[in-house]
Amino acid sequence: MNYIATAKYVNMLDPVSQGSGAYTADNVVDTAGYSYLTVVVSTGASAGMSALKLQESDASNMSGATDVSGTTIGTALDIDGGTSTLPSASDDEIHVINVDLRGKKRYVSFAATASGTTLTSVLGVLTRAAEATNVLADRGVNTMVDA
């Protein structure tokens, strides 16, 4: 089965020019009914980041949020076995965090700290749905085309 064909997309952070300091998601990901979450952080012109991680909570407003183990970029291991690297002061970087949702809390957000003005967008992709849907709104998109 092609799991991406039944994925749900969540625009966690609309593309924004973020000044230095801490910031969090515009939209929290409700993971109910899905087994995996992939978070894609894309940076454009960047001063870099000093922190980037995912957080989880049982509440949709993220009250009592705790860090999701193994998702702190800069200390977590990457898929090559080395220490992951934070977005640097360069253009056009993509950083990906994959999360097996088994045993995790229902709601997931991200927290980041920019070192200076950084163009950033964050997309969450939920896969392995308990029940697949072909309704665009349920999939989190405006348009989807299969070729």
Protein backbone atom coordinates (compact mmCIF):
# COMPACT_ATOMS: atom_id res chain seq x y z
CA MET A 1 0.00 0.00 0.00
CA ASN A 2 1.16 3.53 -0.79
CA TYR A 3 0.71 5.20 2.62
CA ILE A 4 1.40 8.69 1.32
CA ALA A 5 -1.63 8.32 -0.97
CA THR A 6 -3.86 8.38 2.14
CA ALA A 7 -1.87 10.96 4.10
CA LYS A 8 -3.26 13.97 5.93
CA TYR A 9 -1.32 17.24 5.70
CA VAL A 10 -1.19 19.86 8.44
CA ASN A 11 0.38 23.26 7.84
CA MET A 12 1.95 23.55 11.30
CA LEU A 13 3.58 26.90 10.55
CA ASP A 14 2.59 29.09 7.63
CA PRO A 15 5.65 30.39 5.76
CA VAL A 16 6.90 33.27 7.87
CA SER A 17 9.92 35.49 8.34
CA GLN A 18 10.56 34.85 12.01
CA GLY A 19 12.71 37.25 14.01
CA SER A 20 15.14 36.02 16.63
CA GLY A 21 13.64 34.30 19.64
CA ALA A 22 11.30 31.43 20.49
CA TYR A 23 8.22 30.50 18.49
CA THR A 24 5.75 27.62 18.19
CA ALA A 25 3.28 26.19 15.68
CA ASP A 26 0.34 28.07 14.23
CA ASN A 27 -1.54 24.76 14.12
CA VAL A 28 -1.28 21.79 16.46
CA VAL A 29 -1.41 18.32 14.87
CA ASP A 30 -4.25 16.07 16.07
CA THR A 31 -2.78 12.61 15.52
CA ALA A 32 -5.96 10.62 16.30
CA GLY A 33 -6.38 7.74 13.85
CA TYR A 34 -2.82 7.82 12.47
CA SER A 35 0.27 5.75 13.23
CA TYR A 36 3.07 7.99 11.95
CA LEU A 37 3.88 11.67 11.75
CA THR A 38 6.57 13.24 9.59
CA VAL A 39 7.39 16.89 10.29
CA VAL A 40 9.19 18.80 7.53
CA VAL A 41 10.89 22.06 8.52
CA SER A 42 11.92 24.18 5.57
CA THR A 43 14.07 27.28 5.95
CA GLY A 44 14.93 29.90 3.36
CA ALA A 45 17.19 32.87 4.06
CA SER A 46 18.23 32.04 7.59
CA ALA A 47 20.25 33.23 10.53
CA GLY A 48 20.00 29.67 11.87
CA MET A 49 18.26 28.13 14.86
CA SER A 50 19.48 27.38 18.35
CA ALA A 51 16.58 25.02 19.18
CA LEU A 52 14.11 22.83 17.30
CA LYS A 53 12.01 20.03 18.80
CA LEU A 54 8.56 18.47 18.93
CA GLN A 55 6.27 18.56 21.94
CA GLU A 56 3.21 16.47 22.84
CA SER A 57 0.14 16.93 25.01
CA ASP A 58 -3.19 15.31 25.83
CA ALA A 59 -4.83 18.73 25.37
CA SER A 60 -5.44 20.50 22.06
CA ASN A 61 -4.21 23.78 23.57
CA MET A 62 -0.90 22.01 24.39
CA SER A 63 -1.24 22.64 28.13
CA GLY A 64 1.22 20.51 30.08
CA ALA A 65 3.24 19.87 26.91
CA THR A 66 6.36 17.74 27.20
CA ASP A 67 9.17 17.14 24.72
CA VAL A 68 8.78 14.12 22.44
CA SER A 69 11.75 11.89 23.19
CA GLY A 70 14.31 11.71 20.38
CA THR A 71 13.04 14.73 18.43
CA THR A 72 15.34 17.48 19.69
CA ILE A 73 17.37 18.45 16.65
CA GLY A 74 21.02 19.01 17.57
CA THR A 75 21.09 16.18 20.12
CA ALA A 76 18.96 13.43 18.54
CA LEU A 77 20.73 10.95 16.29
CA ASP A 78 20.09 11.24 12.56
CA ILE A 79 19.40 8.25 10.31
CA ASP A 80 23.13 7.94 9.56
CA GLY A 81 23.88 7.49 13.28
CA GLY A 82 25.48 10.91 13.74
CA THR A 83 24.17 13.81 15.77
CA SER A 84 21.46 15.73 13.91
CA THR A 85 22.20 19.33 12.97
CA LEU A 86 20.09 22.42 13.54
CA PRO A 87 19.14 24.67 10.64
CA SER A 88 22.22 26.78 9.92
CA ALA A 89 22.77 30.33 8.75
CA SER A 90 22.34 29.43 5.09
CA ASP A 91 19.57 29.20 2.52
CA ASP A 92 17.24 26.38 1.54
CA GLU A 93 17.57 23.68 4.17
CA ILE A 94 15.09 20.90 4.91
CA HIS A 95 15.04 19.10 8.25
CA VAL A 96 12.75 16.09 8.82
CA ILE A 97 11.55 14.51 12.05
CA ASN A 98 9.82 11.10 11.82
CA VAL A 99 7.67 9.99 14.76
CA ASP A 100 6.13 6.59 15.46
CA LEU A 101 2.96 7.71 17.25
CA ARG A 102 2.42 4.48 19.20
CA GLY A 103 2.53 5.37 22.89
CA LYS A 104 2.56 9.12 22.20
CA LYS A 105 0.05 11.72 23.33
CA ARG A 106 -2.68 12.83 20.91
CA TYR A 107 -1.54 16.38 20.09
CA VAL A 108 1.86 17.36 18.68
CA SER A 109 3.40 20.79 18.13
CA PHE A 110 6.90 22.10 17.59
CA ALA A 111 9.02 24.63 19.41
CA ALA A 112 11.92 26.48 17.86
CA THR A 113 14.25 29.34 18.60
CA ALA A 114 15.61 31.41 15.74
CA SER A 115 19.07 32.91 16.07
CA GLY A 116 17.97 35.84 13.90
CA THR A 117 15.54 36.50 11.07
CA THR A 118 14.75 33.16 9.44
CA LEU A 119 12.24 32.24 6.72
CA THR A 120 10.51 29.11 8.00
CA SER A 121 7.59 26.84 7.18
CA VAL A 122 6.62 23.58 8.88
CA LEU A 123 4.47 20.82 7.39
CA GLY A 124 3.17 17.80 9.29
CA VAL A 125 2.31 14.67 7.30
CA LEU A 126 0.22 12.00 9.03
CA THR A 127 0.32 8.51 7.53
CA ARG A 128 -1.00 4.99 8.12
CA ALA A 129 -4.55 6.09 8.81
CA ALA A 130 -6.92 3.76 10.64
CA GLU A 131 -9.54 4.80 8.07
CA ALA A 132 -8.64 6.34 4.73
CA THR A 133 -10.62 9.25 3.27
CA ASN A 134 -10.69 10.92 -0.12
CA VAL A 135 -12.35 14.11 1.14
CA LEU A 136 -9.94 16.98 0.47
CA ALA A 137 -10.81 18.87 3.67
CA ASP A 138 -10.22 15.71 5.75
CA ARG A 139 -6.83 15.33 4.08
CA GLY A 140 -5.90 18.95 4.91
CA VAL A 141 -5.48 20.09 1.31
CA ASN A 142 -7.26 22.41 -1.13
CA THR A 143 -6.46 20.36 -4.22
CA MET A 144 -5.00 16.92 -4.86
CA VAL A 145 -4.26 15.51 -8.30
CA ASP A 146 -3.26 11.95 -9.15
CA ALA A 147 -1.32 11.49 -12.37
